[in-house]
Amino acid sequence: MALLLNATLDDFAANFNWSSAWTAPDTSAVGYPNGDSFLETLVDGTYHETASANTTTSLSFAGSALYLYGVAGPSQGFYTLNLDNGATSAPLSAFASANSSNHLLWSAVDLAEGDHTLEITNLGQNGDSSVGESLLIDYALLTVVAGAEGATLTNTTIEDSDHARLTYEGSWTVNNDTRFSGNTSSYTNEQQSVSLKFNGSVVYVYGDTVDDHGLYTVDLDGVSKQYQGYTAELKIGTLMYFAAGLDESEHTLTITNDPGSAGTYFDLDSIVYTTPSAYAVNSPSSPSSSSVASRSGSPTSSGSPSSSSTSTPASEGSRAKAAFLTVLLLSVAVAALAGSA
């Protein structure tokens, strides 16, 4: 039995892998999205969109269910999805006579424990001139285990300035901006690292991405993975790393900038971790790889994402971030997902 949690992966989250064929809005202006009625209907006011046929993106994740959201409208066309190199879906369409945000593009439930990769391909009109050519992706909801059934969750925010909790190696510089959590971030363009020891079942790393940022490596309890911090547009409050289903032992998280010859940067804004009052039995400390078949359809009533259960993490300092937590209102068994599919 487990308490499930839905994490929102905004389109700028490091889980997505975008090519230059996808466009995104410029978020650098203070006050963004500055009252734009369309952007305000999107998570964090951002999106990635392409009108190029056969353009792909991928989304890497580990969880028991995934829900992918975008926009339906007259400019939208056909697309396909492929989970874990399995069978490619039949062409799906996001075409509609009027624009509608928060449109469920695809979902998969009953996923096996381990790492998964979803490949999304825009087909454009796919031979049907009555529809549009584009595909717009807004965000994904990822269902993960946060604790035992009936547990309460406590979120702790570690600001970049918390040198009592964070261990910085080498030279880091402080950047002041009211858009950062705690009004500061710490950055480096050298091969330096920052580490945190914590006890929790879920952890989030926040920073910013822009065109002078690049590769960085995250190591959690000896398991390392490299990520890309480059984006053509400035995006503050980006989810740079996410992990869940961690056991009750103390965990060590280390982030290392990989500047290369270009001397690219990494910025740390804050780290949020979630500690349950009781851990789920047999919570994996690190996911193992597996391949599963996908299923698509609307979220079901058992353990499904819903707008009524959406909230920002109630944490020290009440962190208001675009990539936010959504705690399910009901504590359900992981196995219940299979029964509701």
Protein backbone atom coordinates (compact mmCIF):
# COMPACT_ATOMS: atom_id res chain seq x y z
CA MET A 1 0.00 0.00 0.00
CA ALA A 2 1.35 3.41 -0.90
CA LEU A 3 0.65 7.11 -0.94
CA LEU A 4 0.96 8.33 -4.51
CA LEU A 5 2.06 11.78 -5.59
CA ASN A 6 1.79 13.51 -8.96
CA ALA A 7 4.78 15.62 -9.97
CA THR A 8 4.32 18.21 -12.71
CA LEU A 9 7.09 18.17 -15.30
CA ASP A 10 6.88 21.49 -17.12
CA ASP A 11 8.08 21.42 -20.73
CA PHE A 12 11.39 23.05 -19.68
CA ALA A 13 12.13 20.27 -17.16
CA ALA A 14 15.36 18.36 -17.73
CA ASN A 15 13.31 15.20 -18.39
CA PHE A 16 12.49 16.52 -21.88
CA ASN A 17 14.99 16.47 -24.74
CA TRP A 18 14.23 19.16 -27.33
CA SER A 19 15.83 19.86 -30.71
CA SER A 20 16.10 23.24 -32.43
CA ALA A 21 13.03 22.37 -34.52
CA TRP A 22 10.89 23.09 -31.44
CA THR A 23 10.18 26.71 -30.49
CA ALA A 24 9.44 28.10 -27.03
CA PRO A 25 8.42 31.54 -25.75
CA ASP A 26 10.93 34.04 -24.38
CA THR A 27 10.37 34.10 -20.61
CA SER A 28 13.13 36.57 -19.73
CA ALA A 29 10.91 39.61 -19.16
CA VAL A 30 10.18 40.47 -15.53
CA GLY A 31 6.51 39.73 -14.84
CA TYR A 32 6.26 37.12 -17.59
CA PRO A 33 3.76 36.17 -19.00
CA ASN A 34 2.55 39.74 -18.36
CA GLY A 35 -1.17 39.14 -18.75
CA ASP A 36 -1.04 37.16 -21.99
CA SER A 37 -4.40 35.37 -21.94
CA PHE A 38 -3.17 32.30 -23.83
CA LEU A 39 0.12 31.84 -21.96
CA GLU A 40 -1.67 32.16 -18.62
CA THR A 41 -3.65 29.00 -19.43
CA LEU A 42 -0.40 26.99 -19.66
CA VAL A 43 1.68 25.59 -16.80
CA ASP A 44 4.29 28.25 -15.96
CA GLY A 45 3.21 30.08 -19.13
CA THR A 46 5.52 27.99 -21.32
CA TYR A 47 5.31 25.47 -24.15
CA HIS A 48 7.34 23.80 -26.89
CA GLU A 49 5.82 23.66 -30.38
CA THR A 50 6.83 22.50 -33.83
CA ALA A 51 5.21 22.67 -37.26
CA SER A 52 7.87 20.46 -38.85
CA ALA A 53 6.65 17.01 -39.82
CA ASN A 54 8.58 14.01 -38.45
CA THR A 55 10.18 16.11 -35.70
CA THR A 56 10.59 14.21 -32.45
CA THR A 57 11.24 14.84 -28.79
CA SER A 58 11.70 12.44 -25.90
CA LEU A 59 10.73 12.38 -22.25
CA SER A 60 12.66 10.27 -19.72
CA PHE A 61 10.97 9.34 -16.45
CA ALA A 62 10.48 6.72 -13.74
CA GLY A 63 6.99 6.28 -12.32
CA SER A 64 3.85 4.16 -12.38
CA ALA A 65 1.81 6.46 -14.67
CA LEU A 66 2.37 9.36 -17.04
CA TYR A 67 -0.10 11.89 -18.47
CA LEU A 68 1.05 14.18 -21.32
CA TYR A 69 -0.75 17.48 -21.88
CA GLY A 70 -0.73 20.05 -24.67
CA VAL A 71 -3.12 22.21 -26.65
CA ALA A 72 -5.88 21.24 -29.05
CA GLY A 73 -6.82 23.71 -31.78
CA PRO A 74 -7.12 24.50 -35.50
CA SER A 75 -3.33 24.73 -35.97
CA GLN A 76 -2.71 21.30 -34.44
CA GLY A 77 -2.31 18.09 -36.41
CA PHE A 78 -1.36 14.43 -36.01
CA TYR A 79 1.31 12.83 -33.83
CA THR A 80 2.49 9.41 -32.65
CA LEU A 81 4.07 8.10 -29.46
CA ASN A 82 6.45 5.26 -28.68
CA LEU A 83 7.18 4.02 -25.16
CA ASP A 84 10.40 2.14 -24.41
CA ASN A 85 11.01 1.23 -28.08
CA GLY A 86 7.77 -0.73 -28.19
CA ALA A 87 5.07 -0.49 -30.82
CA THR A 88 4.44 3.01 -32.17
CA SER A 89 0.91 4.24 -31.57
CA ALA A 90 -1.56 4.83 -34.36
CA PRO A 91 -1.66 8.50 -35.43
CA LEU A 92 -3.48 10.66 -32.88
CA SER A 93 -4.87 14.13 -33.53
CA ALA A 94 -4.91 17.33 -31.49
CA PHE A 95 -6.96 19.16 -34.13
CA ALA A 96 -10.03 21.05 -32.88
CA SER A 97 -12.11 23.92 -34.18
CA ALA A 98 -11.09 26.15 -31.24
CA ASN A 99 -8.03 26.36 -29.02
CA SER A 100 -8.21 24.42 -25.76
CA SER A 101 -5.35 24.16 -23.28
CA ASN A 102 -4.79 21.37 -20.74
CA HIS A 103 -5.61 18.88 -23.50
CA LEU A 104 -4.67 15.28 -22.69
CA LEU A 105 -2.47 14.13 -25.57
CA TRP A 106 -1.68 10.67 -24.18
CA SER A 107 -1.45 8.65 -20.99
CA ALA A 108 0.01 5.39 -19.75
CA VAL A 109 -0.75 3.58 -16.50
CA ASP A 110 0.30 0.30 -14.89
CA LEU A 111 3.93 1.02 -15.75
CA ALA A 112 6.55 -1.34 -14.38
CA GLU A 113 9.10 -0.08 -11.89
CA GLY A 114 12.14 1.42 -13.57
CA ASP A 115 13.26 3.97 -16.14
CA HIS A 116 11.10 4.73 -19.18
CA THR A 117 11.50 6.81 -22.34
CA LEU A 118 8.60 8.24 -24.30
CA GLU A 119 9.28 9.41 -27.86
CA ILE A 120 6.80 11.89 -29.35
CA THR A 121 6.72 12.58 -33.10
CA ASN A 122 4.84 15.34 -34.89
CA LEU A 123 3.29 14.09 -38.14
CA GLY A 124 1.81 17.41 -39.22
CA GLN A 125 -1.17 17.04 -41.53
CA ASN A 126 -0.26 13.43 -42.31
CA GLY A 127 -2.03 13.68 -45.68
CA ASP A 128 -5.14 15.42 -44.33
CA SER A 129 -5.20 19.07 -45.42
CA SER A 130 -8.25 19.78 -43.24
CA VAL A 131 -6.14 19.76 -40.05
CA GLY A 132 -3.20 21.83 -38.85
CA GLU A 133 0.52 21.09 -38.99
CA SER A 134 1.66 21.74 -35.41
CA LEU A 135 2.09 19.92 -32.13
CA LEU A 136 2.27 21.90 -28.87
CA ILE A 137 3.41 20.25 -25.63
CA ASP A 138 2.78 21.97 -22.30
CA TYR A 139 3.63 19.55 -19.47
CA ALA A 140 3.43 16.02 -18.12
CA LEU A 141 2.08 14.61 -14.85
CA LEU A 142 4.13 11.78 -13.40
CA THR A 143 2.73 9.47 -10.71
CA VAL A 144 5.29 8.24 -8.17
CA VAL A 145 5.37 6.65 -4.72
CA ALA A 146 5.88 9.18 -1.90
CA GLY A 147 5.26 7.09 1.22
CA ALA A 148 3.13 4.50 2.95
CA GLU A 149 -0.65 4.64 2.81
CA GLY A 150 -1.94 7.26 5.24
CA ALA A 151 1.44 8.94 5.64
CA THR A 152 1.78 12.70 5.91
CA LEU A 153 4.35 14.49 3.75
CA THR A 154 6.69 17.27 4.81
CA ASN A 155 8.49 19.36 2.19
CA THR A 156 11.81 21.01 3.05
CA THR A 157 13.32 23.71 0.85
CA ILE A 158 17.10 24.16 0.89
CA GLU A 159 18.00 27.52 -0.62
CA ASP A 160 21.27 27.89 -2.51
CA SER A 161 22.48 30.20 0.29
CA ASP A 162 22.12 27.51 2.98
CA HIS A 163 25.80 26.72 3.48
CA ALA A 164 24.99 24.83 6.69
CA ARG A 165 23.24 22.14 4.61
CA LEU A 166 24.96 22.47 1.23
CA THR A 167 28.61 21.61 0.61
CA TYR A 168 30.10 23.67 -2.23
CA GLU A 169 33.37 22.63 -3.86
CA GLY A 170 35.38 25.26 -5.72
CA SER A 171 34.32 28.70 -6.88
CA TRP A 172 30.62 29.65 -6.99
CA THR A 173 29.16 33.15 -7.49
CA VAL A 174 25.88 34.49 -6.10
CA ASN A 175 23.29 36.00 -8.46
CA ASN A 176 20.60 38.26 -6.97
CA ASP A 177 17.16 38.33 -8.56
CA THR A 178 13.72 38.43 -6.93
CA ARG A 179 12.53 35.76 -9.37
CA PHE A 180 14.72 33.16 -7.66
CA SER A 181 13.54 31.21 -4.65
CA GLY A 182 15.06 33.06 -1.70
CA ASN A 183 16.00 35.85 -4.16
CA THR A 184 19.40 34.31 -5.02
CA SER A 185 21.02 31.56 -7.05
CA SER A 186 24.61 30.27 -7.07
CA TYR A 187 26.44 29.58 -10.32
CA THR A 188 29.76 28.36 -11.68
CA ASN A 189 31.38 27.90 -15.08
CA GLU A 190 34.08 25.61 -13.71
CA GLN A 191 33.98 21.88 -13.05
CA GLN A 192 32.77 22.30 -9.48
CA SER A 193 30.13 20.53 -7.44
CA VAL A 194 27.55 21.05 -4.71
CA SER A 195 26.23 18.29 -2.43
CA LEU A 196 23.34 17.71 -0.03
CA LYS A 197 22.66 14.90 2.44
CA PHE A 198 18.96 14.37 3.17
CA ASN A 199 16.32 11.89 4.31
CA GLY A 200 13.30 11.81 2.05
CA SER A 201 11.38 9.84 -0.56
CA VAL A 202 11.29 12.52 -3.29
CA VAL A 203 13.80 15.20 -4.31
CA TYR A 204 13.63 18.15 -6.74
CA VAL A 205 16.51 20.34 -7.92
CA TYR A 206 15.67 23.79 -9.31
CA GLY A 207 17.85 26.14 -11.32
CA ASP A 208 17.72 28.16 -14.49
CA THR A 209 18.54 27.39 -18.10
CA VAL A 210 19.77 29.72 -20.86
CA ASP A 211 22.06 29.74 -23.88
CA ASP A 212 25.36 29.94 -21.93
CA HIS A 213 24.49 26.87 -19.83
CA GLY A 214 25.40 23.32 -20.75
CA LEU A 215 25.93 19.81 -19.43
CA TYR A 216 25.84 18.88 -15.76
CA THR A 217 25.90 15.57 -13.90
CA VAL A 218 23.67 14.56 -10.98
CA ASP A 219 24.78 11.73 -8.71
CA LEU A 220 22.29 10.24 -6.25
CA ASP A 221 23.73 7.59 -3.94
CA GLY A 222 26.38 6.61 -6.46
CA VAL A 223 24.13 6.52 -9.54
CA SER A 224 25.09 9.28 -12.01
CA LYS A 225 23.31 10.75 -15.02
CA GLN A 226 24.19 13.71 -17.23
CA TYR A 227 21.65 16.38 -18.18
CA GLN A 228 21.50 19.37 -20.53
CA GLY A 229 21.05 22.87 -19.12
CA TYR A 230 21.16 24.71 -22.46
CA THR A 231 18.04 26.43 -23.75
CA ALA A 232 17.82 29.22 -26.33
CA GLU A 233 15.58 31.13 -23.92
CA LEU A 234 16.13 32.09 -20.27
CA LYS A 235 13.94 30.00 -17.99
CA ILE A 236 14.12 30.61 -14.23
CA GLY A 237 12.68 27.99 -11.89
CA THR A 238 13.45 25.02 -14.13
CA LEU A 239 13.22 21.51 -12.73
CA MET A 240 16.82 20.38 -13.28
CA TYR A 241 16.47 16.96 -11.61
CA PHE A 242 13.75 14.79 -10.07
CA ALA A 243 13.81 11.44 -8.26
CA ALA A 244 11.19 9.57 -6.24
CA GLY A 245 10.52 6.25 -4.51
CA LEU A 246 13.59 6.68 -2.29
CA ASP A 247 13.95 4.61 0.87
CA GLU A 248 14.34 5.82 4.46
CA SER A 249 18.15 5.77 4.49
CA GLU A 250 20.20 8.97 4.26
CA HIS A 251 20.77 9.99 0.65
CA THR A 252 23.61 11.97 -0.90
CA LEU A 253 22.89 14.19 -3.89
CA THR A 254 25.81 15.75 -5.78
CA ILE A 255 25.51 18.11 -8.77
CA THR A 256 28.61 18.77 -10.88
CA ASN A 257 28.94 21.32 -13.66
CA ASP A 258 30.50 19.91 -16.84
CA PRO A 259 31.73 23.12 -18.51
CA GLY A 260 33.78 21.65 -21.36
CA SER A 261 36.00 23.91 -23.44
CA ALA A 262 33.22 26.51 -23.78
CA GLY A 263 33.09 27.11 -20.02
CA THR A 264 29.32 26.67 -19.77
CA TYR A 265 27.46 27.47 -16.57
CA PHE A 266 25.27 25.71 -14.05
CA ASP A 267 22.95 27.64 -11.69
CA LEU A 268 21.52 26.22 -8.47
CA ASP A 269 18.41 27.95 -7.15
CA SER A 270 17.15 25.51 -4.49
CA ILE A 271 16.54 21.87 -3.64
CA VAL A 272 13.23 20.58 -2.29
CA TYR A 273 12.85 17.16 -0.71
CA THR A 274 9.77 15.39 0.62
CA THR A 275 9.87 13.32 3.81
CA PRO A 276 6.95 10.98 4.60
CA SER A 277 5.91 10.12 8.16
CA ALA A 278 6.09 6.47 7.02
CA TYR A 279 7.92 5.07 4.02
CA ALA A 280 6.36 2.65 1.56
CA VAL A 281 7.43 -0.95 2.01
CA ASN A 282 10.21 -1.95 -0.40
CA SER A 283 10.65 1.57 -1.78
CA PRO A 284 13.48 1.33 -4.35
CA SER A 285 16.44 3.55 -3.51
CA SER A 286 17.20 3.83 -7.23
CA PRO A 287 15.02 2.70 -10.17
CA SER A 288 16.13 -0.21 -12.33
CA SER A 289 15.56 -0.30 -16.07
CA SER A 290 12.59 -2.16 -17.52
CA SER A 291 10.51 -2.18 -20.68
CA VAL A 292 6.73 -2.19 -20.64
CA ALA A 293 3.80 -1.87 -22.99
CA SER A 294 1.97 1.45 -23.06
CA ARG A 295 -1.70 2.21 -22.68
CA SER A 296 -3.45 5.41 -23.60
CA GLY A 297 -6.62 7.06 -22.41
CA SER A 298 -8.04 9.59 -20.00
CA PRO A 299 -7.04 9.63 -16.34
CA THR A 300 -9.20 7.37 -14.21
CA SER A 301 -10.82 8.18 -10.88
CA SER A 302 -8.37 6.04 -8.91
CA GLY A 303 -5.03 7.75 -8.53
CA SER A 304 -5.56 10.01 -11.54
CA PRO A 305 -4.42 13.61 -11.85
CA SER A 306 -7.12 16.22 -11.39
CA SER A 307 -7.09 19.98 -11.13
CA SER A 308 -8.81 19.79 -7.76
CA SER A 309 -5.77 18.10 -6.22
CA THR A 310 -3.15 20.53 -7.53
CA SER A 311 -1.10 22.62 -5.12
CA THR A 312 2.36 24.03 -4.66
CA PRO A 313 4.51 22.32 -2.03
CA ALA A 314 3.83 23.54 1.45
CA SER A 315 7.47 23.87 2.42
CA GLU A 316 9.77 26.00 4.52
CA GLY A 317 9.41 29.37 2.85
CA SER A 318 6.31 28.18 0.90
CA ARG A 319 8.18 27.66 -2.35
CA ALA A 320 6.12 28.80 -5.33
CA LYS A 321 7.64 27.05 -8.30
CA ALA A 322 6.29 26.24 -11.73
CA ALA A 323 7.26 22.59 -11.48
CA PHE A 324 5.12 21.87 -8.46
CA LEU A 325 3.96 18.86 -6.44
CA THR A 326 0.45 17.46 -6.61
CA VAL A 327 -0.41 15.23 -3.68
CA LEU A 328 -3.25 12.83 -4.38
CA LEU A 329 -6.26 13.36 -2.16
CA LEU A 330 -6.67 9.63 -1.68
CA SER A 331 -4.05 7.19 -0.43
CA VAL A 332 -4.24 4.19 -2.71
CA ALA A 333 -2.37 1.01 -3.39
CA VAL A 334 -0.03 1.07 -6.36
CA ALA A 335 -1.80 -2.04 -7.51
CA ALA A 336 -5.08 -0.14 -7.64
CA LEU A 337 -3.88 1.57 -10.80
CA ALA A 338 -4.04 -1.73 -12.63
CA GLY A 339 -7.57 -2.33 -11.43
CA SER A 340 -8.76 1.06 -12.68
CA ALA A 341 -7.15 0.87 -16.13
